[in-house]
Amino acid sequence: MRCDICGAVEESDVHVLFLCPLAMEVWNGSDFEEDLWRGGGSSALDMVGKAATVLSADRLAEFVAVMWECWNSKN
C-alpha cells in the first residue's frame, strides 16, 4: 500500500504514526524529545515500549495520545 499523503511505497504503522511528513509535523509540534519518536522501531508497539522505559505514566499517556492524533489525521 502507498501512503496517500506522501506517496511512500510502504505504508506501515511506523510510517503512519512517526515517519510520514504529516506525522512528523505533529511530533515536531509536540514537546517530546525528537530521539524518542524518530528513534525508529519495527512497529508502533516497539515505539511505545521504548517510550515506556523513559516516560512517566502521565507522559506515556500523552505520547500515545499524540500517536492517536497522527492516526486520526491520516484516516
PDB file of N, CA and C in Angstrom:
ATOM      1  N   MET A   1       0.821  -1.180   0.000  1.00  0.00           N
ATOM      2  CA  MET A   1       0.000   0.000   0.000  1.00  0.00           C
ATOM      3  C   MET A   1       0.871   1.252   0.000  1.00  0.00           C
ATOM      4  N   ARG A   2       0.464   2.213  -0.766  1.00  0.00           N
ATOM      5  CA  ARG A   2       1.141   3.515  -0.784  1.00  0.00           C
ATOM      6  C   ARG A   2       0.453   4.473   0.172  1.00  0.00           C
ATOM      7  N   CYS A   3       1.252   5.332   0.751  1.00  0.00           N
ATOM      8  CA  CYS A   3       0.721   6.381   1.612  1.00  0.00           C
ATOM      9  C   CYS A   3       0.064   7.433   0.722  1.00  0.00           C
ATOM     10  N   ASP A   4      -1.200   7.737   0.987  1.00  0.00           N
ATOM     11  CA  ASP A   4      -1.879   8.728   0.154  1.00  0.00           C
ATOM     12  C   ASP A   4      -1.518  10.164   0.534  1.00  0.00           C
ATOM     13  N   ILE A   5      -0.748  10.338   1.597  1.00  0.00           N
ATOM     14  CA  ILE A   5      -0.269  11.671   1.993  1.00  0.00           C
ATOM     15  C   ILE A   5       1.032  12.008   1.260  1.00  0.00           C
ATOM     16  N   CYS A   6       2.015  11.098   1.356  1.00  0.00           N
ATOM     17  CA  CYS A   6       3.337  11.410   0.814  1.00  0.00           C
ATOM     18  C   CYS A   6       3.762  10.499  -0.336  1.00  0.00           C
ATOM     19  N   GLY A   7       3.009   9.444  -0.590  1.00  0.00           N
ATOM     20  CA  GLY A   7       3.334   8.544  -1.687  1.00  0.00           C
ATOM     21  C   GLY A   7       4.382   7.498  -1.372  1.00  0.00           C
ATOM     22  N   ALA A   8       4.766   7.383  -0.097  1.00  0.00           N
ATOM     23  CA  ALA A   8       5.760   6.368   0.280  1.00  0.00           C
ATOM     24  C   ALA A   8       5.258   5.001  -0.140  1.00  0.00           C
ATOM     25  N   VAL A   9       6.182   4.181  -0.607  1.00  0.00           N
ATOM     26  CA  VAL A   9       5.820   2.870  -1.134  1.00  0.00           C
ATOM     27  C   VAL A   9       5.297   1.955  -0.034  1.00  0.00           C
ATOM     28  N   GLU A  10       5.910   1.991   1.124  1.00  0.00           N
ATOM     29  CA  GLU A  10       5.485   1.105   2.203  1.00  0.00           C
ATOM     30  C   GLU A  10       4.779   1.916   3.285  1.00  0.00           C
ATOM     31  N   GLU A  11       3.492   1.698   3.426  1.00  0.00           N
ATOM     32  CA  GLU A  11       2.730   2.398   4.449  1.00  0.00           C
ATOM     33  C   GLU A  11       2.538   1.463   5.636  1.00  0.00           C
ATOM     34  N   SER A  12       3.464   1.516   6.581  1.00  0.00           N
ATOM     35  CA  SER A  12       3.401   0.697   7.783  1.00  0.00           C
ATOM     36  C   SER A  12       2.846   1.517   8.935  1.00  0.00           C
ATOM     37  N   ASP A  13       2.615   0.863  10.063  1.00  0.00           N
ATOM     38  CA  ASP A  13       2.156   1.600  11.235  1.00  0.00           C
ATOM     39  C   ASP A  13       3.193   2.622  11.679  1.00  0.00           C
ATOM     40  N   VAL A  14       4.465   2.282  11.596  1.00  0.00           N
ATOM     41  CA  VAL A  14       5.533   3.213  11.971  1.00  0.00           C
ATOM     42  C   VAL A  14       5.535   4.409  11.025  1.00  0.00           C
ATOM     43  N   HIS A  15       5.323   4.160   9.753  1.00  0.00           N
ATOM     44  CA  HIS A  15       5.269   5.263   8.790  1.00  0.00           C
ATOM     45  C   HIS A  15       4.116   6.208   9.125  1.00  0.00           C
ATOM     46  N   VAL A  16       2.918   5.657   9.279  1.00  0.00           N
ATOM     47  CA  VAL A  16       1.730   6.482   9.534  1.00  0.00           C
ATOM     48  C   VAL A  16       1.880   7.285  10.821  1.00  0.00           C
ATOM     49  N   LEU A  17       2.423   6.670  11.870  1.00  0.00           N
ATOM     50  CA  LEU A  17       2.448   7.302  13.188  1.00  0.00           C
ATOM     51  C   LEU A  17       3.675   8.160  13.460  1.00  0.00           C
ATOM     52  N   PHE A  18       4.779   7.919  12.724  1.00  0.00           N
ATOM     53  CA  PHE A  18       6.022   8.617  13.061  1.00  0.00           C
ATOM     54  C   PHE A  18       6.784   9.201  11.869  1.00  0.00           C
ATOM     55  N   LEU A  19       6.734   8.574  10.720  1.00  0.00           N
ATOM     56  CA  LEU A  19       7.636   8.942   9.628  1.00  0.00           C
ATOM     57  C   LEU A  19       7.008   9.736   8.492  1.00  0.00           C
ATOM     58  N   CYS A  20       5.714   9.636   8.317  1.00  0.00           N
ATOM     59  CA  CYS A  20       5.044  10.400   7.266  1.00  0.00           C
ATOM     60  C   CYS A  20       5.214  11.893   7.566  1.00  0.00           C
ATOM     61  N   PRO A  21       5.387  12.720   6.558  1.00  0.00           N
ATOM     62  CA  PRO A  21       5.536  14.155   6.815  1.00  0.00           C
ATOM     63  C   PRO A  21       4.415  14.752   7.674  1.00  0.00           C
ATOM     64  N   LEU A  22       3.201  14.276   7.515  1.00  0.00           N
ATOM     65  CA  LEU A  22       2.100  14.761   8.347  1.00  0.00           C
ATOM     66  C   LEU A  22       2.347  14.412   9.816  1.00  0.00           C
ATOM     67  N   ALA A  23       2.745  13.172  10.086  1.00  0.00           N
ATOM     68  CA  ALA A  23       3.036  12.749  11.457  1.00  0.00           C
ATOM     69  C   ALA A  23       4.236  13.516  12.013  1.00  0.00           C
ATOM     70  N   MET A  24       5.253  13.710  11.200  1.00  0.00           N
ATOM     71  CA  MET A  24       6.435  14.427  11.663  1.00  0.00           C
ATOM     72  C   MET A  24       6.096  15.869  12.038  1.00  0.00           C
ATOM     73  N   GLU A  25       5.168  16.469  11.312  1.00  0.00           N
ATOM     74  CA  GLU A  25       4.736  17.823  11.648  1.00  0.00           C
ATOM     75  C   GLU A  25       4.061  17.841  13.022  1.00  0.00           C
ATOM     76  N   VAL A  26       3.227  16.842  13.275  1.00  0.00           N
ATOM     77  CA  VAL A  26       2.566  16.748  14.581  1.00  0.00           C
ATOM     78  C   VAL A  26       3.604  16.553  15.680  1.00  0.00           C
ATOM     79  N   TRP A  27       4.544  15.611  15.478  1.00  0.00           N
ATOM     80  CA  TRP A  27       5.564  15.346  16.503  1.00  0.00           C
ATOM     81  C   TRP A  27       6.473  16.555  16.703  1.00  0.00           C
ATOM     82  N   ASN A  28       6.810  17.250  15.631  1.00  0.00           N
ATOM     83  CA  ASN A  28       7.644  18.449  15.771  1.00  0.00           C
ATOM     84  C   ASN A  28       6.947  19.513  16.617  1.00  0.00           C
ATOM     85  N   GLY A  29       5.630  19.547  16.581  1.00  0.00           N
ATOM     86  CA  GLY A  29       4.870  20.497  17.380  1.00  0.00           C
ATOM     87  C   GLY A  29       4.660  20.059  18.814  1.00  0.00           C
ATOM     88  N   SER A  30       5.013  18.821  19.103  1.00  0.00           N
ATOM     89  CA  SER A  30       4.877  18.322  20.471  1.00  0.00           C
ATOM     90  C   SER A  30       6.128  18.698  21.268  1.00  0.00           C
ATOM     91  N   ASP A  31       6.076  18.439  22.561  1.00  0.00           N
ATOM     92  CA  ASP A  31       7.252  18.730  23.374  1.00  0.00           C
ATOM     93  C   ASP A  31       8.042  17.468  23.722  1.00  0.00           C
ATOM     94  N   PHE A  32       7.851  16.416  22.925  1.00  0.00           N
ATOM     95  CA  PHE A  32       8.625  15.192  23.125  1.00  0.00           C
ATOM     96  C   PHE A  32       9.977  15.307  22.432  1.00  0.00           C
ATOM     97  N   GLU A  33      10.985  14.764  23.073  1.00  0.00           N
ATOM     98  CA  GLU A  33      12.330  14.762  22.502  1.00  0.00           C
ATOM     99  C   GLU A  33      12.301  14.031  21.156  1.00  0.00           C
ATOM    100  N   GLU A  34      12.966  14.601  20.193  1.00  0.00           N
ATOM    101  CA  GLU A  34      12.962  14.037  18.842  1.00  0.00           C
ATOM    102  C   GLU A  34      13.520  12.620  18.802  1.00  0.00           C
ATOM    103  N   ASP A  35      14.539  12.332  19.605  1.00  0.00           N
ATOM    104  CA  ASP A  35      15.112  10.987  19.565  1.00  0.00           C
ATOM    105  C   ASP A  35      14.131   9.930  20.073  1.00  0.00           C
ATOM    106  N   LEU A  36      13.102  10.338  20.809  1.00  0.00           N
ATOM    107  CA  LEU A  36      12.101   9.397  21.301  1.00  0.00           C
ATOM    108  C   LEU A  36      11.184   8.933  20.176  1.00  0.00           C
ATOM    109  N   TRP A  37      10.750   9.846  19.337  1.00  0.00           N
ATOM    110  CA  TRP A  37       9.814   9.472  18.278  1.00  0.00           C
ATOM    111  C   TRP A  37      10.479   9.249  16.920  1.00  0.00           C
ATOM    112  N   ARG A  38      11.725   9.651  16.754  1.00  0.00           N
ATOM    113  CA  ARG A  38      12.423   9.412  15.488  1.00  0.00           C
ATOM    114  C   ARG A  38      13.421   8.281  15.610  1.00  0.00           C
ATOM    115  N   GLY A  39      13.485   7.660  16.759  1.00  0.00           N
ATOM    116  CA  GLY A  39      14.491   6.637  17.007  1.00  0.00           C
ATOM    117  C   GLY A  39      14.304   5.355  16.228  1.00  0.00           C
ATOM    118  N   GLY A  40      13.192   5.236  15.564  1.00  0.00           N
ATOM    119  CA  GLY A  40      12.946   4.041  14.775  1.00  0.00           C
ATOM    120  C   GLY A  40      12.412   2.909  15.631  1.00  0.00           C
ATOM    121  N   GLY A  41      11.953   1.937  15.000  1.00  0.00           N
ATOM    122  CA  GLY A  41      11.371   0.765  15.635  1.00  0.00           C
ATOM    123  C   GLY A  41      10.695  -0.037  14.551  1.00  0.00           C
ATOM    124  N   SER A  42      10.539  -1.305  14.806  1.00  0.00           N
ATOM    125  CA  SER A  42       9.947  -2.145  13.770  1.00  0.00           C
ATOM    126  C   SER A  42       8.424  -2.116  13.803  1.00  0.00           C
ATOM    127  N   SER A  43       7.861  -1.570  14.892  1.00  0.00           N
ATOM    128  CA  SER A  43       6.413  -1.468  14.983  1.00  0.00           C
ATOM    129  C   SER A  43       6.045  -0.340  15.940  1.00  0.00           C
ATOM    130  N   ALA A  44       4.790   0.051  15.897  1.00  0.00           N
ATOM    131  CA  ALA A  44       4.307   1.068  16.832  1.00  0.00           C
ATOM    132  C   ALA A  44       4.419   0.555  18.259  1.00  0.00           C
ATOM    133  N   LEU A  45       4.190  -0.734  18.454  1.00  0.00           N
ATOM    134  CA  LEU A  45       4.324  -1.318  19.789  1.00  0.00           C
ATOM    135  C   LEU A  45       5.747  -1.189  20.307  1.00  0.00           C
ATOM    136  N   ASP A  46       6.733  -1.381  19.442  1.00  0.00           N
ATOM    137  CA  ASP A  46       8.141  -1.182  19.831  1.00  0.00           C
ATOM    138  C   ASP A  46       8.380   0.257  20.275  1.00  0.00           C
ATOM    139  N   MET A  47       7.780   1.194  19.554  1.00  0.00           N
ATOM    140  CA  MET A  47       7.961   2.608  19.885  1.00  0.00           C
ATOM    141  C   MET A  47       7.318   2.939  21.231  1.00  0.00           C
ATOM    142  N   VAL A  48       6.162   2.378  21.512  1.00  0.00           N
ATOM    143  CA  VAL A  48       5.517   2.592  22.809  1.00  0.00           C
ATOM    144  C   VAL A  48       6.354   1.959  23.912  1.00  0.00           C
ATOM    145  N   GLY A  49       6.891   0.777  23.648  1.00  0.00           N
ATOM    146  CA  GLY A  49       7.755   0.121  24.632  1.00  0.00           C
ATOM    147  C   GLY A  49       8.981   0.951  24.942  1.00  0.00           C
ATOM    148  N   LYS A  50       9.582   1.530  23.924  1.00  0.00           N
ATOM    149  CA  LYS A  50      10.745   2.396  24.120  1.00  0.00           C
ATOM    150  C   LYS A  50      10.356   3.610  24.956  1.00  0.00           C
ATOM    151  N   ALA A  51       9.226   4.218  24.615  1.00  0.00           N
ATOM    152  CA  ALA A  51       8.764   5.392  25.359  1.00  0.00           C
ATOM    153  C   ALA A  51       8.472   5.034  26.813  1.00  0.00           C
ATOM    154  N   ALA A  52       7.933   3.853  27.041  1.00  0.00           N
ATOM    155  CA  ALA A  52       7.573   3.425  28.399  1.00  0.00           C
ATOM    156  C   ALA A  52       8.794   3.298  29.305  1.00  0.00           C
ATOM    157  N   THR A  53       9.955   3.102  28.715  1.00  0.00           N
ATOM    158  CA  THR A  53      11.158   2.957  29.540  1.00  0.00           C
ATOM    159  C   THR A  53      11.693   4.292  30.041  1.00  0.00           C
ATOM    160  N   VAL A  54      11.279   5.395  29.434  1.00  0.00           N
ATOM    161  CA  VAL A  54      11.836   6.701  29.811  1.00  0.00           C
ATOM    162  C   VAL A  54      10.798   7.727  30.254  1.00  0.00           C
ATOM    163  N   LEU A  55       9.521   7.450  30.048  1.00  0.00           N
ATOM    164  CA  LEU A  55       8.479   8.424  30.380  1.00  0.00           C
ATOM    165  C   LEU A  55       7.689   7.980  31.600  1.00  0.00           C
ATOM    166  N   SER A  56       7.180   8.947  32.334  1.00  0.00           N
ATOM    167  CA  SER A  56       6.261   8.652  33.428  1.00  0.00           C
ATOM    168  C   SER A  56       4.947   8.159  32.823  1.00  0.00           C
ATOM    169  N   ALA A  57       4.071   7.626  33.652  1.00  0.00           N
ATOM    170  CA  ALA A  57       2.781   7.127  33.162  1.00  0.00           C
ATOM    171  C   ALA A  57       1.973   8.244  32.503  1.00  0.00           C
ATOM    172  N   ASP A  58       1.988   9.433  33.095  1.00  0.00           N
ATOM    173  CA  ASP A  58       1.246  10.554  32.507  1.00  0.00           C
ATOM    174  C   ASP A  58       1.817  10.958  31.156  1.00  0.00           C
ATOM    175  N   ARG A  59       3.127  11.032  31.070  1.00  0.00           N
ATOM    176  CA  ARG A  59       3.760  11.418  29.798  1.00  0.00           C
ATOM    177  C   ARG A  59       3.573  10.318  28.749  1.00  0.00           C
ATOM    178  N   LEU A  60       3.589   9.069  29.174  1.00  0.00           N
ATOM    179  CA  LEU A  60       3.355   7.974  28.237  1.00  0.00           C
ATOM    180  C   LEU A  60       1.938   8.075  27.673  1.00  0.00           C
ATOM    181  N   ALA A  61       0.984   8.422  28.520  1.00  0.00           N
ATOM    182  CA  ALA A  61      -0.389   8.609  28.044  1.00  0.00           C
ATOM    183  C   ALA A  61      -0.449   9.736  27.016  1.00  0.00           C
ATOM    184  N   GLU A  62       0.295  10.807  27.237  1.00  0.00           N
ATOM    185  CA  GLU A  62       0.354  11.903  26.264  1.00  0.00           C
ATOM    186  C   GLU A  62       0.988  11.427  24.959  1.00  0.00           C
ATOM    187  N   PHE A  63       2.048  10.633  25.059  1.00  0.00           N
ATOM    188  CA  PHE A  63       2.729  10.093  23.881  1.00  0.00           C
ATOM    189  C   PHE A  63       1.750   9.271  23.038  1.00  0.00           C
ATOM    190  N   VAL A  64       0.996   8.411  23.698  1.00  0.00           N
ATOM    191  CA  VAL A  64       0.021   7.576  22.994  1.00  0.00           C
ATOM    192  C   VAL A  64      -1.090   8.451  22.405  1.00  0.00           C
ATOM    193  N   ALA A  65      -1.468   9.521  23.096  1.00  0.00           N
ATOM    194  CA  ALA A  65      -2.487  10.434  22.574  1.00  0.00           C
ATOM    195  C   ALA A  65      -2.001  11.116  21.292  1.00  0.00           C
ATOM    196  N   VAL A  66      -0.731  11.471  21.240  1.00  0.00           N
ATOM    197  CA  VAL A  66      -0.180  12.063  20.011  1.00  0.00           C
ATOM    198  C   VAL A  66      -0.198  11.022  18.893  1.00  0.00           C
ATOM    199  N   MET A  67       0.155   9.784  19.218  1.00  0.00           N
ATOM    200  CA  MET A  67       0.076   8.717  18.219  1.00  0.00           C
ATOM    201  C   MET A  67      -1.349   8.608  17.676  1.00  0.00           C
ATOM    202  N   TRP A  68      -2.332   8.665  18.569  1.00  0.00           N
ATOM    203  CA  TRP A  68      -3.742   8.564  18.175  1.00  0.00           C
ATOM    204  C   TRP A  68      -4.123   9.709  17.243  1.00  0.00           C
ATOM    205  N   GLU A  69      -3.644  10.905  17.551  1.00  0.00           N
ATOM    206  CA  GLU A  69      -3.935  12.055  16.683  1.00  0.00           C
ATOM    207  C   GLU A  69      -3.323  11.874  15.302  1.00  0.00           C
ATOM    208  N   CYS A  70      -2.116  11.335  15.249  1.00  0.00           N
ATOM    209  CA  CYS A  70      -1.489  11.055  13.947  1.00  0.00           C
ATOM    210  C   CYS A  70      -2.337  10.056  13.164  1.00  0.00           C
ATOM    211  N   TRP A  71      -2.801   9.023  13.848  1.00  0.00           N
ATOM    212  CA  TRP A  71      -3.635   8.015  13.196  1.00  0.00           C
ATOM    213  C   TRP A  71      -4.935   8.627  12.692  1.00  0.00           C
ATOM    214  N   ASN A  72      -5.578   9.430  13.542  1.00  0.00           N
ATOM    215  CA  ASN A  72      -6.834  10.071  13.143  1.00  0.00           C
ATOM    216  C   ASN A  72      -6.637  11.045  11.996  1.00  0.00           C
ATOM    217  N   SER A  73      -5.537  11.770  12.008  1.00  0.00           N
ATOM    218  CA  SER A  73      -5.258  12.719  10.913  1.00  0.00           C
ATOM    219  C   SER A  73      -5.120  11.996   9.589  1.00  0.00           C
ATOM    220  N   LYS A  74      -4.536  10.825   9.617  1.00  0.00           N
ATOM    221  CA  LYS A  74      -4.314  10.049   8.405  1.00  0.00           C
ATOM    222  C   LYS A  74      -5.608   9.395   7.931  1.00  0.00           C
ATOM    223  N   ASN A  75      -6.381   8.918   8.856  1.00  0.00           N
ATOM    224  CA  ASN A  75      -7.569   8.152   8.499  1.00  0.00           C
ATOM    225  C   ASN A  75      -8.834   8.962   8.690  1.00  0.00           C
TER     226      ASN A  75
END
